[in-house]
Amino acid sequence: MLAVNINALVGELENENTLLAYVDEALSEDEARDLRQELRLVSNVSSVGLITRTQAMESFLSRYEENERYMDVRADWFRHRYEVHVDDVALLAQTQIDVSRIYGIAKVTANLTIAKGLVTVRNIISRASIGIVSVLLAISLFIMSNTIKLSTFERREEIAIMKMVGATNGFIRWPFIFEGFMLGVTGAIAAFAAIWGLYGLVTSSIMDIGIGFISVIPFRTVSFRIFVMFFAIGFGVGVGGSGVVLNRYLNV
C-alpha cells in the first residue's frame, strides 16, 4: 500500500509535467483551433487544451494584478498555445520533437529535467517495492511451510498406522489438505483485515496532520485485488504445502 500511494503521487506529478506548444503568430484563432486534431494524433499525447491569446493575457494579468506596469498589456502581445498532456513522461523529449514538427507550431517548451527526475524516482520506487515484497513473500513462505512441516511431523505415526491398515493415499491426504485450506484461507482473511485496519489508522493520522501535498488512495479502490492476492497465496501455501510435505510420510 505504501508503494501504491507513492506511485500514485509520482503519477500526479507526472500529469502536471506538460508540454506548451506555441502557435505561429500568423495564424488566426480559428486556424489555431484546427491544429487540435493534429496534436491529438501525435504518439504519446493523451489530451490537449487550447489557451487563446485572450486567456493567456487574463492569466498573466491575474498573476501580476498588483503591478501597474502590466495593466496596459494587449492580447496580441501573446500567442495562442496548446497545453499538451502525455501518457508516458519518459517519452516527453521525443513527444516534444514530434509536436514541434507540426506545421503551425512555432515553439514547444518542456521541463525535461523534472521529467527525467520523475522517471528516475518512479523506477527506483518500482524496483524497491518489488524487492521488499519479494523478501517479505519469501519470509512468509518459509514460516508457513515450516509450520505445515511441524504439524505433519506430529502426525507421522497416525499416517503410518493408517497406511498399514490399508488406507489409500487419497483417503489420508484429503483431511490434511482440507486443514491446510482452512488455515490458508483463515490466514488470508486475518491478514486482509489487519492491513485494512492498520491502513485506516495510518491514513486517518495523515488526514489529521493535514499534509496538503499528500493524497491517500482509499483502501476500497485496491481492496479486491489485495484480497484476491492474499486468498491465492493462502490457498496455494495451505493446500500445496500440505500436499507436498505429506508425500514424504505417505511412502511407508
Protein backbone atom coordinates (compact mmCIF):
# COMPACT_ATOMS: atom_id res chain seq x y z
CA MET A 1 0.00 0.00 0.00
CA LEU A 2 2.95 2.32 0.63
CA ALA A 3 4.28 1.60 -2.86
CA VAL A 4 0.84 2.12 -4.42
CA ASN A 5 0.46 5.52 -2.75
CA ILE A 6 3.97 6.68 -3.67
CA ASN A 7 3.49 5.61 -7.28
CA ALA A 8 0.17 7.46 -7.37
CA LEU A 9 1.83 10.61 -6.01
CA VAL A 10 4.58 10.40 -8.63
CA GLY A 11 1.91 9.81 -11.27
CA GLU A 12 0.10 13.01 -10.27
CA LEU A 13 3.35 14.96 -10.56
CA GLU A 14 3.93 13.39 -13.98
CA ASN A 15 0.49 14.52 -15.15
CA GLU A 16 1.34 18.10 -14.19
CA ASN A 17 4.53 17.98 -16.28
CA THR A 18 3.14 19.04 -19.66
CA LEU A 19 4.28 20.48 -22.97
CA LEU A 20 3.45 24.02 -24.10
CA ALA A 21 3.11 24.25 -27.88
CA TYR A 22 3.08 27.86 -29.08
CA VAL A 23 1.14 28.54 -32.29
CA ASP A 24 2.66 30.62 -35.07
CA GLU A 25 1.75 34.30 -34.68
CA ALA A 26 0.50 34.45 -38.27
CA LEU A 27 -2.34 32.00 -37.58
CA SER A 28 -5.76 33.20 -36.50
CA GLU A 29 -7.67 31.72 -33.57
CA ASP A 30 -9.77 29.52 -35.88
CA GLU A 31 -6.62 28.24 -37.61
CA ALA A 32 -5.07 27.60 -34.21
CA ARG A 33 -8.11 25.55 -33.21
CA ASP A 34 -7.71 23.44 -36.34
CA LEU A 35 -4.36 22.20 -35.01
CA ARG A 36 -6.06 20.33 -32.17
CA GLN A 37 -6.76 17.23 -34.23
CA GLU A 38 -3.17 17.00 -35.50
CA LEU A 39 -1.84 17.30 -31.96
CA ARG A 40 -4.13 14.53 -30.75
CA LEU A 41 -2.73 12.19 -33.41
CA VAL A 42 0.82 12.55 -32.07
CA SER A 43 2.06 9.41 -30.34
CA ASN A 44 2.11 9.57 -26.51
CA VAL A 45 -0.27 12.57 -26.40
CA SER A 46 -3.22 11.91 -24.07
CA SER A 47 -5.04 15.24 -24.24
CA VAL A 48 -4.61 18.81 -25.48
CA GLY A 49 -6.14 22.09 -24.41
CA LEU A 50 -6.07 25.39 -26.30
CA ILE A 51 -5.18 28.59 -24.46
CA THR A 52 -6.09 31.58 -26.61
CA ARG A 53 -4.33 34.93 -26.62
CA THR A 54 -7.11 36.43 -24.55
CA GLN A 55 -6.97 33.63 -21.97
CA ALA A 56 -3.16 33.92 -21.79
CA MET A 57 -3.49 37.70 -21.21
CA GLU A 58 -6.08 37.21 -18.47
CA SER A 59 -3.88 34.62 -16.76
CA PHE A 60 -0.91 36.99 -16.94
CA LEU A 61 -2.89 39.91 -15.52
CA SER A 62 -4.27 37.82 -12.66
CA ARG A 63 -0.72 36.83 -11.75
CA TYR A 64 0.58 40.41 -11.79
CA GLU A 65 -2.62 42.27 -10.86
CA GLU A 66 -0.83 44.30 -8.19
CA ASN A 67 1.83 45.57 -10.61
CA GLU A 68 0.59 48.63 -12.51
CA ARG A 69 3.36 48.28 -15.10
CA TYR A 70 1.50 45.41 -16.75
CA MET A 71 -2.00 46.88 -16.79
CA ASP A 72 -1.70 48.13 -20.39
CA VAL A 73 -0.83 44.77 -21.97
CA ARG A 74 -2.82 43.69 -25.01
CA ALA A 75 -3.95 40.28 -26.18
CA ASP A 76 -1.93 40.49 -29.40
CA TRP A 77 1.23 40.51 -27.31
CA PHE A 78 0.60 36.84 -26.56
CA ARG A 79 0.44 33.71 -28.69
CA HIS A 80 -2.20 31.04 -28.91
CA ARG A 81 -0.79 27.95 -27.24
CA TYR A 82 -1.69 24.36 -26.52
CA GLU A 83 -1.19 22.62 -23.20
CA VAL A 84 -0.27 19.07 -24.18
CA HIS A 85 -0.56 16.19 -21.68
CA VAL A 86 1.36 12.97 -22.32
CA ASP A 87 0.78 9.33 -21.41
CA ASP A 88 4.37 8.47 -20.51
CA VAL A 89 6.63 11.21 -19.16
CA ALA A 90 9.66 9.08 -20.06
CA LEU A 91 8.91 9.83 -23.73
CA LEU A 92 8.50 13.56 -23.17
CA ALA A 93 11.61 14.54 -25.17
CA GLN A 94 10.53 12.58 -28.25
CA THR A 95 6.99 13.92 -27.95
CA GLN A 96 8.39 17.45 -27.86
CA ILE A 97 10.19 16.80 -31.15
CA ASP A 98 7.10 15.26 -32.76
CA VAL A 99 4.87 18.17 -31.74
CA SER A 100 7.38 20.76 -32.99
CA ARG A 101 7.24 19.18 -36.47
CA ILE A 102 3.55 20.05 -36.90
CA TYR A 103 3.01 22.89 -39.35
CA GLY A 104 1.76 25.93 -37.46
CA ILE A 105 3.58 25.15 -34.22
CA ALA A 106 6.34 27.72 -33.76
CA LYS A 107 7.86 26.59 -30.47
CA VAL A 108 7.49 23.79 -27.94
CA THR A 109 8.72 24.02 -24.35
CA ALA A 110 9.04 21.25 -21.77
CA ASN A 111 10.81 20.83 -18.46
CA LEU A 112 12.87 17.77 -19.38
CA THR A 113 14.95 17.94 -16.19
CA ILE A 114 11.90 17.45 -13.97
CA ALA A 115 10.63 14.73 -16.32
CA LYS A 116 13.88 12.77 -16.06
CA GLY A 117 13.83 13.16 -12.29
CA LEU A 118 10.28 11.81 -12.07
CA VAL A 119 11.17 8.83 -14.27
CA THR A 120 14.18 8.06 -12.05
CA VAL A 121 12.08 8.28 -8.87
CA ARG A 122 9.38 6.07 -10.40
CA ASN A 123 11.91 3.40 -11.42
CA ILE A 124 13.59 3.41 -8.00
CA ILE A 125 10.24 3.07 -6.22
CA SER A 126 9.12 0.24 -8.51
CA ARG A 127 12.33 -1.75 -8.04
CA ALA A 128 12.42 -1.15 -4.30
CA SER A 129 8.78 -2.22 -4.00
CA ILE A 130 9.40 -5.43 -5.93
CA GLY A 131 12.45 -6.19 -3.78
CA ILE A 132 10.66 -5.57 -0.47
CA VAL A 133 7.59 -7.58 -1.47
CA SER A 134 9.78 -10.44 -2.71
CA VAL A 135 11.71 -10.58 0.58
CA LEU A 136 8.52 -10.46 2.67
CA LEU A 137 6.90 -13.13 0.49
CA ALA A 138 9.94 -15.40 0.84
CA ILE A 139 9.92 -14.98 4.64
CA SER A 140 6.19 -15.68 4.79
CA LEU A 141 6.51 -18.81 2.65
CA PHE A 142 9.40 -20.04 4.79
CA ILE A 143 7.44 -19.59 8.02
CA MET A 144 4.25 -21.15 6.66
CA SER A 145 5.99 -24.13 5.07
CA ASN A 146 7.82 -24.91 8.29
CA THR A 147 4.58 -24.64 10.25
CA ILE A 148 2.99 -27.20 7.92
CA LYS A 149 6.02 -29.48 8.23
CA LEU A 150 5.85 -29.40 12.03
CA SER A 151 2.11 -30.10 12.02
CA THR A 152 2.55 -33.05 9.67
CA PHE A 153 5.57 -34.37 11.56
CA GLU A 154 3.50 -34.58 14.75
CA ARG A 155 1.05 -36.89 12.96
CA ARG A 156 3.58 -39.12 11.20
CA GLU A 157 2.71 -42.13 13.38
CA GLU A 158 -1.01 -41.66 12.71
CA ILE A 159 -0.29 -41.58 8.98
CA ALA A 160 1.86 -44.71 9.20
CA ILE A 161 -0.86 -46.63 11.05
CA MET A 162 -3.49 -45.62 8.51
CA LYS A 163 -1.21 -46.80 5.70
CA MET A 164 -0.65 -50.15 7.41
CA VAL A 165 -4.38 -50.85 7.76
CA GLY A 166 -4.88 -50.27 4.04
CA ALA A 167 -5.95 -46.62 3.80
CA THR A 168 -5.34 -45.13 0.37
CA ASN A 169 -3.17 -42.07 -0.14
CA GLY A 170 -6.18 -40.02 -1.17
CA PHE A 171 -8.11 -41.00 1.98
CA ILE A 172 -5.14 -39.89 4.12
CA ARG A 173 -4.32 -36.79 2.12
CA TRP A 174 -7.72 -35.09 1.95
CA PRO A 175 -8.13 -34.27 5.69
CA PHE A 176 -4.68 -32.67 5.73
CA ILE A 177 -5.32 -30.75 2.51
CA PHE A 178 -8.66 -29.51 3.86
CA GLU A 179 -6.96 -28.43 7.08
CA GLY A 180 -4.30 -26.64 5.06
CA PHE A 181 -7.02 -24.97 3.01
CA MET A 182 -8.83 -23.75 6.13
CA LEU A 183 -5.63 -22.48 7.70
CA GLY A 184 -4.57 -20.73 4.50
CA VAL A 185 -7.93 -19.05 3.97
CA THR A 186 -8.17 -18.05 7.63
CA GLY A 187 -4.70 -16.57 7.48
CA ALA A 188 -5.60 -14.66 4.28
CA ILE A 189 -8.73 -13.18 5.86
CA ALA A 190 -6.88 -12.27 9.05
CA ALA A 191 -4.07 -10.61 7.08
CA PHE A 192 -6.57 -8.71 4.92
CA ALA A 193 -8.45 -7.45 7.98
CA ALA A 194 -5.19 -6.46 9.69
CA ILE A 195 -3.86 -4.46 6.75
CA TRP A 196 -7.26 -2.80 6.28
CA GLY A 197 -7.34 -1.71 9.92
CA LEU A 198 -3.72 -0.55 10.03
CA TYR A 199 -4.07 1.32 6.74
CA GLY A 200 -7.17 3.05 8.06
CA LEU A 201 -5.31 4.17 11.20
CA VAL A 202 -2.33 5.46 9.22
CA THR A 203 -4.43 7.33 6.66
CA SER A 204 -6.63 8.92 9.33
CA SER A 205 -3.47 10.12 11.11
CA ILE A 206 -2.19 11.65 7.86
CA MET A 207 -5.51 13.41 7.33
CA ASP A 208 -5.48 14.73 10.90
CA ILE A 209 -1.99 16.17 10.42
CA GLY A 210 -3.22 17.86 7.25
CA ILE A 211 -0.28 17.38 4.89
CA GLY A 212 -1.61 19.15 1.82
CA PHE A 213 0.57 17.67 -0.90
CA ILE A 214 -0.10 14.04 0.08
CA SER A 215 -3.20 12.39 -1.37
CA VAL A 216 -4.03 9.00 0.11
CA ILE A 217 -5.63 6.32 -2.05
CA PRO A 218 -8.80 4.88 -0.45
CA PHE A 219 -8.33 1.25 0.53
CA ARG A 220 -11.56 0.20 -1.18
CA THR A 221 -10.08 1.05 -4.60
CA VAL A 222 -7.50 -1.75 -4.26
CA SER A 223 -9.17 -3.96 -1.63
CA PHE A 224 -10.47 -6.53 -4.11
CA ARG A 225 -7.05 -7.05 -5.72
CA ILE A 226 -5.37 -7.37 -2.32
CA PHE A 227 -7.96 -9.85 -1.09
CA VAL A 228 -7.59 -11.98 -4.24
CA MET A 229 -3.81 -11.92 -3.87
CA PHE A 230 -3.94 -12.88 -0.18
CA PHE A 231 -6.50 -15.59 -0.85
CA ALA A 232 -4.42 -17.06 -3.70
CA ILE A 233 -1.26 -17.12 -1.59
CA GLY A 234 -3.09 -18.60 1.42
CA PHE A 235 -4.77 -21.23 -0.75
CA GLY A 236 -1.56 -22.10 -2.57
CA VAL A 237 0.57 -22.41 0.54
CA GLY A 238 -2.09 -24.17 2.62
CA VAL A 239 -3.18 -26.73 0.02
CA GLY A 240 0.03 -27.03 -1.98
CA GLY A 241 2.26 -27.05 1.09
CA SER A 242 0.18 -29.72 2.83
CA GLY A 243 0.22 -31.93 -0.26
CA VAL A 244 3.95 -31.62 -0.86
CA VAL A 245 5.00 -32.14 2.76
CA LEU A 246 2.58 -35.05 3.21
CA ASN A 247 4.08 -37.03 0.33
CA ARG A 248 7.23 -37.90 2.28
CA TYR A 249 5.14 -39.56 5.02
CA LEU A 250 2.92 -41.49 2.60
CA ASN A 251 5.83 -43.64 1.41
CA VAL A 252 5.66 -46.15 4.24
